[in-house]
Amino acid sequence: MQLGQIIRNFSEEAVAADALLSCGDLTLLARIGSTADRFDETVGEYAAGAVRRFANSASSEDWLALMNTVERTDDPGFRCLTHMLHWSLKRDEAQGTVSHVGCSCGGGGGCT
C-alpha cells in the first residue's frame, strides 16, 4: 500500500490502529499510544503528525537513512511509515509534554 493512502485513512481511529498493527511491531504501537495520550491526540492524529514532523524537520542524514531503509524492503509504504514514527517518537519521548516541533499548528493536541 502507498504511504499517502495509509496516512489518509488515519482520520478513522480503527483504520489507523489496523494500519499500525500491520506494521508488525506491537511495541511501536504501544509507544505511539502512550505518546499520543501525552499530547492529547488519537493514535491516528499522532501518526499523521509524526509523518508531517519528519517531512518538516528531518535532516539530510535522516532522509538518507529513510531512503536506505525503503530500498531494502518489499513494502516501502509501511517501512517508510515505521521509520518516520520511530524518528518522531525518539524526539517526542525526549522532550516530554511540550508542543510538537514541526507541526503546522504549532503544537499540542489535534495538530494538523
PDB file of N, CA and C in Angstrom:
ATOM      1  N   MET A   1       0.848  -1.172   0.000  1.00  0.00           N
ATOM      2  CA  MET A   1       0.000   0.000   0.000  1.00  0.00           C
ATOM      3  C   MET A   1       0.898   1.241   0.000  1.00  0.00           C
ATOM      4  N   GLN A   2       0.444   2.295  -0.666  1.00  0.00           N
ATOM      5  CA  GLN A   2       1.222   3.524  -0.731  1.00  0.00           C
ATOM      6  C   GLN A   2       1.059   4.328   0.555  1.00  0.00           C
ATOM      7  N   LEU A   3       2.115   5.024   0.938  1.00  0.00           N
ATOM      8  CA  LEU A   3       2.140   5.779   2.183  1.00  0.00           C
ATOM      9  C   LEU A   3       1.021   6.815   2.240  1.00  0.00           C
ATOM     10  N   GLY A   4       0.778   7.521   1.157  1.00  0.00           N
ATOM     11  CA  GLY A   4      -0.278   8.534   1.136  1.00  0.00           C
ATOM     12  C   GLY A   4      -1.640   7.941   1.466  1.00  0.00           C
ATOM     13  N   GLN A   5      -1.935   6.785   0.932  1.00  0.00           N
ATOM     14  CA  GLN A   5      -3.213   6.113   1.209  1.00  0.00           C
ATOM     15  C   GLN A   5      -3.299   5.684   2.667  1.00  0.00           C
ATOM     16  N   ILE A   6      -2.206   5.197   3.207  1.00  0.00           N
ATOM     17  CA  ILE A   6      -2.182   4.787   4.614  1.00  0.00           C
ATOM     18  C   ILE A   6      -2.492   5.992   5.498  1.00  0.00           C
ATOM     19  N   ILE A   7      -1.827   7.108   5.246  1.00  0.00           N
ATOM     20  CA  ILE A   7      -1.992   8.307   6.074  1.00  0.00           C
ATOM     21  C   ILE A   7      -3.389   8.887   5.941  1.00  0.00           C
ATOM     22  N   ARG A   8      -3.944   8.897   4.737  1.00  0.00           N
ATOM     23  CA  ARG A   8      -5.303   9.416   4.546  1.00  0.00           C
ATOM     24  C   ARG A   8      -6.304   8.669   5.411  1.00  0.00           C
ATOM     25  N   ASN A   9      -6.072   7.410   5.660  1.00  0.00           N
ATOM     26  CA  ASN A   9      -7.000   6.599   6.446  1.00  0.00           C
ATOM     27  C   ASN A   9      -6.846   6.804   7.953  1.00  0.00           C
ATOM     28  N   PHE A  10      -5.861   7.570   8.390  1.00  0.00           N
ATOM     29  CA  PHE A  10      -5.624   7.765   9.819  1.00  0.00           C
ATOM     30  C   PHE A  10      -6.701   8.591  10.502  1.00  0.00           C
ATOM     31  N   SER A  11      -7.569   9.244   9.749  1.00  0.00           N
ATOM     32  CA  SER A  11      -8.646  10.016  10.373  1.00  0.00           C
ATOM     33  C   SER A  11      -9.664   9.102  11.055  1.00  0.00           C
ATOM     34  N   GLU A  12      -9.722   7.856  10.654  1.00  0.00           N
ATOM     35  CA  GLU A  12     -10.590   6.866  11.302  1.00  0.00           C
ATOM     36  C   GLU A  12      -9.723   6.047  12.251  1.00  0.00           C
ATOM     37  N   GLU A  13     -10.016   6.149  13.537  1.00  0.00           N
ATOM     38  CA  GLU A  13      -9.152   5.552  14.567  1.00  0.00           C
ATOM     39  C   GLU A  13      -8.988   4.038  14.389  1.00  0.00           C
ATOM     40  N   ALA A  14     -10.054   3.329  14.068  1.00  0.00           N
ATOM     41  CA  ALA A  14      -9.954   1.875  13.894  1.00  0.00           C
ATOM     42  C   ALA A  14      -9.061   1.527  12.712  1.00  0.00           C
ATOM     43  N   VAL A  15      -9.184   2.302  11.647  1.00  0.00           N
ATOM     44  CA  VAL A  15      -8.352   2.076  10.464  1.00  0.00           C
ATOM     45  C   VAL A  15      -6.894   2.380  10.782  1.00  0.00           C
ATOM     46  N   ALA A  16      -6.661   3.457  11.542  1.00  0.00           N
ATOM     47  CA  ALA A  16      -5.293   3.814  11.932  1.00  0.00           C
ATOM     48  C   ALA A  16      -4.675   2.693  12.767  1.00  0.00           C
ATOM     49  N   ALA A  17      -5.431   2.183  13.738  1.00  0.00           N
ATOM     50  CA  ALA A  17      -4.913   1.109  14.582  1.00  0.00           C
ATOM     51  C   ALA A  17      -4.606  -0.138  13.750  1.00  0.00           C
ATOM     52  N   ASP A  18      -5.487  -0.474  12.807  1.00  0.00           N
ATOM     53  CA  ASP A  18      -5.250  -1.637  11.939  1.00  0.00           C
ATOM     54  C   ASP A  18      -3.996  -1.435  11.084  1.00  0.00           C
ATOM     55  N   ALA A  19      -3.839  -0.230  10.544  1.00  0.00           N
ATOM     56  CA  ALA A  19      -2.662   0.046   9.706  1.00  0.00           C
ATOM     57  C   ALA A  19      -1.390  -0.080  10.522  1.00  0.00           C
ATOM     58  N   LEU A  20      -1.419   0.459  11.737  1.00  0.00           N
ATOM     59  CA  LEU A  20      -0.227   0.379  12.589  1.00  0.00           C
ATOM     60  C   LEU A  20       0.040  -1.046  13.046  1.00  0.00           C
ATOM     61  N   LEU A  21      -1.011  -1.820  13.280  1.00  0.00           N
ATOM     62  CA  LEU A  21      -0.831  -3.238  13.605  1.00  0.00           C
ATOM     63  C   LEU A  21      -0.200  -3.981  12.429  1.00  0.00           C
ATOM     64  N   SER A  22      -0.545  -3.565  11.221  1.00  0.00           N
ATOM     65  CA  SER A  22       0.011  -4.201  10.021  1.00  0.00           C
ATOM     66  C   SER A  22       1.511  -3.999   9.906  1.00  0.00           C
ATOM     67  N   CYS A  23       2.033  -3.005  10.617  1.00  0.00           N
ATOM     68  CA  CYS A  23       3.492  -2.788  10.616  1.00  0.00           C
ATOM     69  C   CYS A  23       4.202  -3.934  11.325  1.00  0.00           C
ATOM     70  N   GLY A  24       3.458  -4.707  12.136  1.00  0.00           N
ATOM     71  CA  GLY A  24       4.015  -5.878  12.785  1.00  0.00           C
ATOM     72  C   GLY A  24       4.885  -5.591  13.991  1.00  0.00           C
ATOM     73  N   ASP A  25       4.700  -4.435  14.617  1.00  0.00           N
ATOM     74  CA  ASP A  25       5.532  -4.056  15.758  1.00  0.00           C
ATOM     75  C   ASP A  25       4.627  -3.582  16.892  1.00  0.00           C
ATOM     76  N   LEU A  26       4.270  -4.500  17.786  1.00  0.00           N
ATOM     77  CA  LEU A  26       3.366  -4.162  18.887  1.00  0.00           C
ATOM     78  C   LEU A  26       3.991  -3.180  19.865  1.00  0.00           C
ATOM     79  N   THR A  27       5.288  -3.255  20.056  1.00  0.00           N
ATOM     80  CA  THR A  27       5.974  -2.298  20.925  1.00  0.00           C
ATOM     81  C   THR A  27       5.845  -0.885  20.349  1.00  0.00           C
ATOM     82  N   LEU A  28       5.992  -0.757  19.048  1.00  0.00           N
ATOM     83  CA  LEU A  28       5.832   0.532  18.389  1.00  0.00           C
ATOM     84  C   LEU A  28       4.419   1.067  18.604  1.00  0.00           C
ATOM     85  N   LEU A  29       3.431   0.216  18.433  1.00  0.00           N
ATOM     86  CA  LEU A  29       2.040   0.637  18.630  1.00  0.00           C
ATOM     87  C   LEU A  29       1.806   1.100  20.062  1.00  0.00           C
ATOM     88  N   ALA A  30       2.367   0.394  21.031  1.00  0.00           N
ATOM     89  CA  ALA A  30       2.217   0.795  22.436  1.00  0.00           C
ATOM     90  C   ALA A  30       2.892   2.138  22.698  1.00  0.00           C
ATOM     91  N   ARG A  31       4.066   2.346  22.136  1.00  0.00           N
ATOM     92  CA  ARG A  31       4.764   3.624  22.299  1.00  0.00           C
ATOM     93  C   ARG A  31       3.979   4.764  21.676  1.00  0.00           C
ATOM     94  N   ILE A  32       3.394   4.518  20.509  1.00  0.00           N
ATOM     95  CA  ILE A  32       2.575   5.539  19.856  1.00  0.00           C
ATOM     96  C   ILE A  32       1.365   5.876  20.716  1.00  0.00           C
ATOM     97  N   GLY A  33       0.697   4.848  21.241  1.00  0.00           N
ATOM     98  CA  GLY A  33      -0.467   5.079  22.089  1.00  0.00           C
ATOM     99  C   GLY A  33      -0.129   5.904  23.317  1.00  0.00           C
ATOM    100  N   SER A  34       0.963   5.570  23.954  1.00  0.00           N
ATOM    101  CA  SER A  34       1.396   6.292  25.151  1.00  0.00           C
ATOM    102  C   SER A  34       1.762   7.740  24.840  1.00  0.00           C
ATOM    103  N   THR A  35       2.501   7.934  23.773  1.00  0.00           N
ATOM    104  CA  THR A  35       2.919   9.284  23.412  1.00  0.00           C
ATOM    105  C   THR A  35       1.734  10.106  22.918  1.00  0.00           C
ATOM    106  N   ALA A  36       0.851   9.492  22.166  1.00  0.00           N
ATOM    107  CA  ALA A  36      -0.356  10.197  21.708  1.00  0.00           C
ATOM    108  C   ALA A  36      -1.182  10.665  22.898  1.00  0.00           C
ATOM    109  N   ASP A  37      -1.312   9.823  23.905  1.00  0.00           N
ATOM    110  CA  ASP A  37      -2.051  10.210  25.120  1.00  0.00           C
ATOM    111  C   ASP A  37      -1.422  11.427  25.782  1.00  0.00           C
ATOM    112  N   ARG A  38      -0.097  11.443  25.856  1.00  0.00           N
ATOM    113  CA  ARG A  38       0.602  12.581  26.472  1.00  0.00           C
ATOM    114  C   ARG A  38       0.308  13.892  25.768  1.00  0.00           C
ATOM    115  N   PHE A  39       0.118  13.824  24.448  1.00  0.00           N
ATOM    116  CA  PHE A  39      -0.142  15.027  23.663  1.00  0.00           C
ATOM    117  C   PHE A  39      -1.636  15.235  23.405  1.00  0.00           C
ATOM    118  N   ASP A  40      -2.480  14.437  24.072  1.00  0.00           N
ATOM    119  CA  ASP A  40      -3.929  14.533  23.926  1.00  0.00           C
ATOM    120  C   ASP A  40      -4.351  14.374  22.464  1.00  0.00           C
ATOM    121  N   GLU A  41      -3.771  13.363  21.811  1.00  0.00           N
ATOM    122  CA  GLU A  41      -4.076  13.048  20.424  1.00  0.00           C
ATOM    123  C   GLU A  41      -4.547  11.603  20.333  1.00  0.00           C
ATOM    124  N   THR A  42      -5.251  11.295  19.253  1.00  0.00           N
ATOM    125  CA  THR A  42      -5.555   9.901  18.961  1.00  0.00           C
ATOM    126  C   THR A  42      -4.314   9.276  18.334  1.00  0.00           C
ATOM    127  N   VAL A  43      -4.300   7.967  18.242  1.00  0.00           N
ATOM    128  CA  VAL A  43      -3.183   7.266  17.604  1.00  0.00           C
ATOM    129  C   VAL A  43      -3.035   7.732  16.160  1.00  0.00           C
ATOM    130  N   GLY A  44      -4.152   7.873  15.459  1.00  0.00           N
ATOM    131  CA  GLY A  44      -4.115   8.328  14.068  1.00  0.00           C
ATOM    132  C   GLY A  44      -3.584   9.744  13.932  1.00  0.00           C
ATOM    133  N   GLU A  45      -4.013  10.645  14.831  1.00  0.00           N
ATOM    134  CA  GLU A  45      -3.517  12.018  14.801  1.00  0.00           C
ATOM    135  C   GLU A  45      -2.014  12.055  15.049  1.00  0.00           C
ATOM    136  N   TYR A  46      -1.571  11.270  16.022  1.00  0.00           N
ATOM    137  CA  TYR A  46      -0.146  11.252  16.323  1.00  0.00           C
ATOM    138  C   TYR A  46       0.648  10.730  15.120  1.00  0.00           C
ATOM    139  N   ALA A  47       0.197   9.633  14.532  1.00  0.00           N
ATOM    140  CA  ALA A  47       0.934   9.032  13.411  1.00  0.00           C
ATOM    141  C   ALA A  47       0.983   9.972  12.216  1.00  0.00           C
ATOM    142  N   ALA A  48      -0.130  10.606  11.895  1.00  0.00           N
ATOM    143  CA  ALA A  48      -0.145  11.552  10.778  1.00  0.00           C
ATOM    144  C   ALA A  48       0.767  12.742  11.085  1.00  0.00           C
ATOM    145  N   GLY A  49       0.728  13.230  12.325  1.00  0.00           N
ATOM    146  CA  GLY A  49       1.600  14.332  12.723  1.00  0.00           C
ATOM    147  C   GLY A  49       3.061  13.942  12.688  1.00  0.00           C
ATOM    148  N   ALA A  50       3.358  12.699  13.045  1.00  0.00           N
ATOM    149  CA  ALA A  50       4.742  12.222  13.023  1.00  0.00           C
ATOM    150  C   ALA A  50       5.310  12.284  11.612  1.00  0.00           C
ATOM    151  N   VAL A  51       4.499  11.916  10.644  1.00  0.00           N
ATOM    152  CA  VAL A  51       4.941  11.976   9.247  1.00  0.00           C
ATOM    153  C   VAL A  51       5.188  13.429   8.845  1.00  0.00           C
ATOM    154  N   ARG A  52       4.285  14.333   9.235  1.00  0.00           N
ATOM    155  CA  ARG A  52       4.474  15.757   8.923  1.00  0.00           C
ATOM    156  C   ARG A  52       5.720  16.316   9.609  1.00  0.00           C
ATOM    157  N   ARG A  53       5.928  15.936  10.866  1.00  0.00           N
ATOM    158  CA  ARG A  53       7.119  16.428  11.573  1.00  0.00           C
ATOM    159  C   ARG A  53       8.392  15.943  10.903  1.00  0.00           C
ATOM    160  N   PHE A  54       8.401  14.698  10.456  1.00  0.00           N
ATOM    161  CA  PHE A  54       9.569  14.188   9.741  1.00  0.00           C
ATOM    162  C   PHE A  54       9.783  15.008   8.472  1.00  0.00           C
ATOM    163  N   ALA A  55       8.717  15.217   7.707  1.00  0.00           N
ATOM    164  CA  ALA A  55       8.826  15.961   6.448  1.00  0.00           C
ATOM    165  C   ALA A  55       9.325  17.383   6.678  1.00  0.00           C
ATOM    166  N   ASN A  56       8.894  17.997   7.764  1.00  0.00           N
ATOM    167  CA  ASN A  56       9.250  19.389   8.044  1.00  0.00           C
ATOM    168  C   ASN A  56      10.599  19.552   8.731  1.00  0.00           C
ATOM    169  N   SER A  57      11.051  18.568   9.490  1.00  0.00           N
ATOM    170  CA  SER A  57      12.199  18.779  10.375  1.00  0.00           C
ATOM    171  C   SER A  57      13.357  17.811  10.204  1.00  0.00           C
ATOM    172  N   ALA A  58      13.197  16.774   9.433  1.00  0.00           N
ATOM    173  CA  ALA A  58      14.265  15.779   9.304  1.00  0.00           C
ATOM    174  C   ALA A  58      15.470  16.373   8.574  1.00  0.00           C
ATOM    175  N   SER A  59      16.640  15.974   9.025  1.00  0.00           N
ATOM    176  CA  SER A  59      17.881  16.429   8.393  1.00  0.00           C
ATOM    177  C   SER A  59      18.140  15.623   7.114  1.00  0.00           C
ATOM    178  N   SER A  60      19.123  16.048   6.374  1.00  0.00           N
ATOM    179  CA  SER A  60      19.525  15.310   5.165  1.00  0.00           C
ATOM    180  C   SER A  60      19.930  13.883   5.516  1.00  0.00           C
ATOM    181  N   GLU A  61      20.599  13.732   6.651  1.00  0.00           N
ATOM    182  CA  GLU A  61      21.024  12.400   7.092  1.00  0.00           C
ATOM    183  C   GLU A  61      19.815  11.524   7.425  1.00  0.00           C
ATOM    184  N   ASP A  62      18.784  12.135   8.025  1.00  0.00           N
ATOM    185  CA  ASP A  62      17.556  11.391   8.330  1.00  0.00           C
ATOM    186  C   ASP A  62      16.878  10.916   7.047  1.00  0.00           C
ATOM    187  N   TRP A  63      16.833  11.786   6.042  1.00  0.00           N
ATOM    188  CA  TRP A  63      16.226  11.415   4.763  1.00  0.00           C
ATOM    189  C   TRP A  63      17.042  10.317   4.067  1.00  0.00           C
ATOM    190  N   LEU A  64      18.349  10.409   4.144  1.00  0.00           N
ATOM    191  CA  LEU A  64      19.193   9.378   3.551  1.00  0.00           C
ATOM    192  C   LEU A  64      18.961   8.036   4.235  1.00  0.00           C
ATOM    193  N   ALA A  65      18.853   8.047   5.559  1.00  0.00           N
ATOM    194  CA  ALA A  65      18.560   6.811   6.294  1.00  0.00           C
ATOM    195  C   ALA A  65      17.211   6.240   5.879  1.00  0.00           C
ATOM    196  N   LEU A  66      16.233   7.115   5.664  1.00  0.00           N
ATOM    197  CA  LEU A  66      14.912   6.659   5.210  1.00  0.00           C
ATOM    198  C   LEU A  66      15.014   6.010   3.838  1.00  0.00           C
ATOM    199  N   MET A  67      15.737   6.640   2.928  1.00  0.00           N
ATOM    200  CA  MET A  67      15.879   6.086   1.579  1.00  0.00           C
ATOM    201  C   MET A  67      16.572   4.727   1.612  1.00  0.00           C
ATOM    202  N   ASN A  68      17.591   4.600   2.449  1.00  0.00           N
ATOM    203  CA  ASN A  68      18.270   3.307   2.583  1.00  0.00           C
ATOM    204  C   ASN A  68      17.327   2.244   3.120  1.00  0.00           C
ATOM    205  N   THR A  69      16.489   2.621   4.077  1.00  0.00           N
ATOM    206  CA  THR A  69      15.521   1.684   4.647  1.00  0.00           C
ATOM    207  C   THR A  69      14.513   1.241   3.597  1.00  0.00           C
ATOM    208  N   VAL A  70      13.990   2.194   2.837  1.00  0.00           N
ATOM    209  CA  VAL A  70      12.954   1.913   1.849  1.00  0.00           C
ATOM    210  C   VAL A  70      13.497   1.038   0.715  1.00  0.00           C
ATOM    211  N   GLU A  71      14.750   1.233   0.348  1.00  0.00           N
ATOM    212  CA  GLU A  71      15.352   0.450  -0.731  1.00  0.00           C
ATOM    213  C   GLU A  71      15.464  -1.033  -0.388  1.00  0.00           C
ATOM    214  N   ARG A  72      15.467  -1.359   0.896  1.00  0.00           N
ATOM    215  CA  ARG A  72      15.723  -2.737   1.325  1.00  0.00           C
ATOM    216  C   ARG A  72      14.472  -3.471   1.781  1.00  0.00           C
ATOM    217  N   THR A  73      13.303  -3.107   1.251  1.00  0.00           N
ATOM    218  CA  THR A  73      12.078  -3.743   1.710  1.00  0.00           C
ATOM    219  C   THR A  73      11.137  -4.053   0.559  1.00  0.00           C
ATOM    220  N   ASP A  74      10.251  -5.008   0.791  1.00  0.00           N
ATOM    221  CA  ASP A  74       9.225  -5.336  -0.190  1.00  0.00           C
ATOM    222  C   ASP A  74       7.979  -4.474  -0.003  1.00  0.00           C
ATOM    223  N   ASP A  75       7.856  -3.800   1.142  1.00  0.00           N
ATOM    224  CA  ASP A  75       6.688  -2.969   1.434  1.00  0.00           C
ATOM    225  C   ASP A  75       7.141  -1.573   1.852  1.00  0.00           C
ATOM    226  N   PRO A  76       7.518  -0.740   0.879  1.00  0.00           N
ATOM    227  CA  PRO A  76       8.094   0.560   1.205  1.00  0.00           C
ATOM    228  C   PRO A  76       7.144   1.491   1.955  1.00  0.00           C
ATOM    229  N   GLY A  77       5.837   1.403   1.718  1.00  0.00           N
ATOM    230  CA  GLY A  77       4.895   2.279   2.409  1.00  0.00           C
ATOM    231  C   GLY A  77       4.928   2.085   3.910  1.00  0.00           C
ATOM    232  N   PHE A  78       4.788   0.846   4.353  1.00  0.00           N
ATOM    233  CA  PHE A  78       4.806   0.567   5.790  1.00  0.00           C
ATOM    234  C   PHE A  78       6.191   0.781   6.385  1.00  0.00           C
ATOM    235  N   ARG A  79       7.221   0.457   5.653  1.00  0.00           N
ATOM    236  CA  ARG A  79       8.588   0.632   6.161  1.00  0.00           C
ATOM    237  C   ARG A  79       8.918   2.120   6.327  1.00  0.00           C
ATOM    238  N   CYS A  80       8.479   2.926   5.369  1.00  0.00           N
ATOM    239  CA  CYS A  80       8.667   4.370   5.451  1.00  0.00           C
ATOM    240  C   CYS A  80       7.910   4.912   6.667  1.00  0.00           C
ATOM    241  N   LEU A  81       6.682   4.461   6.844  1.00  0.00           N
ATOM    242  CA  LEU A  81       5.883   4.904   7.973  1.00  0.00           C
ATOM    243  C   LEU A  81       6.541   4.551   9.298  1.00  0.00           C
ATOM    244  N   THR A  82       7.002   3.330   9.458  1.00  0.00           N
ATOM    245  CA  THR A  82       7.610   2.941  10.729  1.00  0.00           C
ATOM    246  C   THR A  82       8.905   3.720  10.983  1.00  0.00           C
ATOM    247  N   HIS A  83       9.655   3.989   9.939  1.00  0.00           N
ATOM    248  CA  HIS A  83      10.879   4.779  10.100  1.00  0.00           C
ATOM    249  C   HIS A  83      10.540   6.178  10.615  1.00  0.00           C
ATOM    250  N   MET A  84       9.551   6.811   9.997  1.00  0.00           N
ATOM    251  CA  MET A  84       9.143   8.158  10.404  1.00  0.00           C
ATOM    252  C   MET A  84       8.563   8.168  11.821  1.00  0.00           C
ATOM    253  N   LEU A  85       7.823   7.131  12.169  1.00  0.00           N
ATOM    254  CA  LEU A  85       7.252   7.036  13.518  1.00  0.00           C
ATOM    255  C   LEU A  85       8.355   6.891  14.564  1.00  0.00           C
ATOM    256  N   HIS A  86       9.318   6.018  14.304  1.00  0.00           N
ATOM    257  CA  HIS A  86      10.436   5.856  15.243  1.00  0.00           C
ATOM    258  C   HIS A  86      11.201   7.170  15.405  1.00  0.00           C
ATOM    259  N   TRP A  87      11.425   7.873  14.305  1.00  0.00           N
ATOM    260  CA  TRP A  87      12.124   9.159  14.341  1.00  0.00           C
ATOM    261  C   TRP A  87      11.368  10.155  15.225  1.00  0.00           C
ATOM    262  N   SER A  88      10.076  10.257  15.010  1.00  0.00           N
ATOM    263  CA  SER A  88       9.265  11.209  15.770  1.00  0.00           C
ATOM    264  C   SER A  88       9.147  10.805  17.238  1.00  0.00           C
ATOM    265  N   LEU A  89       8.940   9.526  17.499  1.00  0.00           N
ATOM    266  CA  LEU A  89       8.848   9.056  18.884  1.00  0.00           C
ATOM    267  C   LEU A  89      10.120   9.357  19.657  1.00  0.00           C
ATOM    268  N   LYS A  90      11.254   9.145  19.036  1.00  0.00           N
ATOM    269  CA  LYS A  90      12.541   9.406  19.703  1.00  0.00           C
ATOM    270  C   LYS A  90      12.610  10.854  20.178  1.00  0.00           C
ATOM    271  N   ARG A  91      12.186  11.768  19.339  1.00  0.00           N
ATOM    272  CA  ARG A  91      12.219  13.182  19.695  1.00  0.00           C
ATOM    273  C   ARG A  91      11.143  13.551  20.714  1.00  0.00           C
ATOM    274  N   ASP A  92       9.945  13.023  20.532  1.00  0.00           N
ATOM    275  CA  ASP A  92       8.847  13.343  21.444  1.00  0.00           C
ATOM    276  C   ASP A  92       9.050  12.746  22.829  1.00  0.00           C
ATOM    277  N   GLU A  93       9.597  11.552  22.892  1.00  0.00           N
ATOM    278  CA  GLU A  93       9.843  10.939  24.191  1.00  0.00           C
ATOM    279  C   GLU A  93      10.943  11.686  24.944  1.00  0.00           C
ATOM    280  N   ALA A  94      11.868  12.279  24.217  1.00  0.00           N
ATOM    281  CA  ALA A  94      12.958  13.024  24.845  1.00  0.00           C
ATOM    282  C   ALA A  94      12.505  14.396  25.335  1.00  0.00           C
ATOM    283  N   GLN A  95      11.526  14.994  24.657  1.00  0.00           N
ATOM    284  CA  GLN A  95      11.146  16.361  25.005  1.00  0.00           C
ATOM    285  C   GLN A  95      10.030  16.445  26.032  1.00  0.00           C
ATOM    286  N   GLY A  96       9.358  15.362  26.341  1.00  0.00           N
ATOM    287  CA  GLY A  96       8.270  15.435  27.322  1.00  0.00           C
ATOM    288  C   GLY A  96       6.996  15.970  26.703  1.00  0.00           C
ATOM    289  N   THR A  97       6.195  16.666  27.482  1.00  0.00           N
ATOM    290  CA  THR A  97       4.886  17.104  27.007  1.00  0.00           C
ATOM    291  C   THR A  97       4.860  18.584  26.648  1.00  0.00           C
ATOM    292  N   VAL A  98       5.729  18.969  25.749  1.00  0.00           N
ATOM    293  CA  VAL A  98       5.665  20.304  25.178  1.00  0.00           C
ATOM    294  C   VAL A  98       5.156  20.161  23.747  1.00  0.00           C
ATOM    295  N   SER A  99       4.866  21.264  23.107  1.00  0.00           N
ATOM    296  CA  SER A  99       4.283  21.198  21.773  1.00  0.00           C
ATOM    297  C   SER A  99       5.212  20.485  20.802  1.00  0.00           C
ATOM    298  N   HIS A 100       4.606  19.897  19.773  1.00  0.00           N
ATOM    299  CA  HIS A 100       5.372  19.230  18.729  1.00  0.00           C
ATOM    300  C   HIS A 100       6.085  20.262  17.878  1.00  0.00           C
ATOM    301  N   VAL A 101       7.349  20.077  17.694  1.00  0.00           N
ATOM    302  CA  VAL A 101       8.121  20.937  16.812  1.00  0.00           C
ATOM    303  C   VAL A 101       7.933  20.411  15.390  1.00  0.00           C
ATOM    304  N   GLY A 102       7.586  21.286  14.466  1.00  0.00           N
ATOM    305  CA  GLY A 102       7.447  20.884  13.078  1.00  0.00           C
ATOM    306  C   GLY A 102       6.024  20.706  12.630  1.00  0.00           C
ATOM    307  N   CYS A 103       5.053  20.814  13.536  1.00  0.00           N
ATOM    308  CA  CYS A 103       3.651  20.744  13.146  1.00  0.00           C
ATOM    309  C   CYS A 103       3.218  22.084  12.589  1.00  0.00           C
ATOM    310  N   SER A 104       2.283  22.056  11.681  1.00  0.00           N
ATOM    311  CA  SER A 104       1.810  23.311  11.099  1.00  0.00           C
ATOM    312  C   SER A 104       0.972  24.124  12.088  1.00  0.00           C
ATOM    313  N   CYS A 105       0.438  23.497  13.140  1.00  0.00           N
ATOM    314  CA  CYS A 105      -0.409  24.226  14.090  1.00  0.00           C
ATOM    315  C   CYS A 105       0.390  24.799  15.248  1.00  0.00           C
ATOM    316  N   GLY A 106       1.660  24.459  15.362  1.00  0.00           N
ATOM    317  CA  GLY A 106       2.467  24.972  16.452  1.00  0.00           C
ATOM    318  C   GLY A 106       2.493  24.086  17.669  1.00  0.00           C
ATOM    319  N   GLY A 107       1.748  23.000  17.675  1.00  0.00           N
ATOM    320  CA  GLY A 107       1.856  22.043  18.772  1.00  0.00           C
ATOM    321  C   GLY A 107       0.567  21.695  19.445  1.00  0.00           C
ATOM    322  N   GLY A 108       0.674  20.807  20.404  1.00  0.00           N
ATOM    323  CA  GLY A 108      -0.478  20.383  21.196  1.00  0.00           C
ATOM    324  C   GLY A 108      -1.327  19.361  20.479  1.00  0.00           C
ATOM    325  N   GLY A 109      -2.436  19.023  21.120  1.00  0.00           N
ATOM    326  CA  GLY A 109      -3.343  18.029  20.580  1.00  0.00           C
ATOM    327  C   GLY A 109      -4.021  18.511  19.306  1.00  0.00           C
ATOM    328  N   GLY A 110      -4.428  17.559  18.487  1.00  0.00           N
ATOM    329  CA  GLY A 110      -5.147  17.873  17.266  1.00  0.00           C
ATOM    330  C   GLY A 110      -4.286  18.565  16.227  1.00  0.00           C
ATOM    331  N   CYS A 111      -3.002  18.377  16.279  1.00  0.00           N
ATOM    332  CA  CYS A 111      -2.071  19.023  15.369  1.00  0.00           C
ATOM    333  C   CYS A 111      -2.386  18.618  13.927  1.00  0.00           C
ATOM    334  N   THR A 112      -2.376  19.556  13.034  1.00  0.00           N
ATOM    335  CA  THR A 112      -2.653  19.274  11.625  1.00  0.00           C
ATOM    336  C   THR A 112      -1.512  19.657  10.732  1.00  0.00           C
TER     337      THR A 112
END
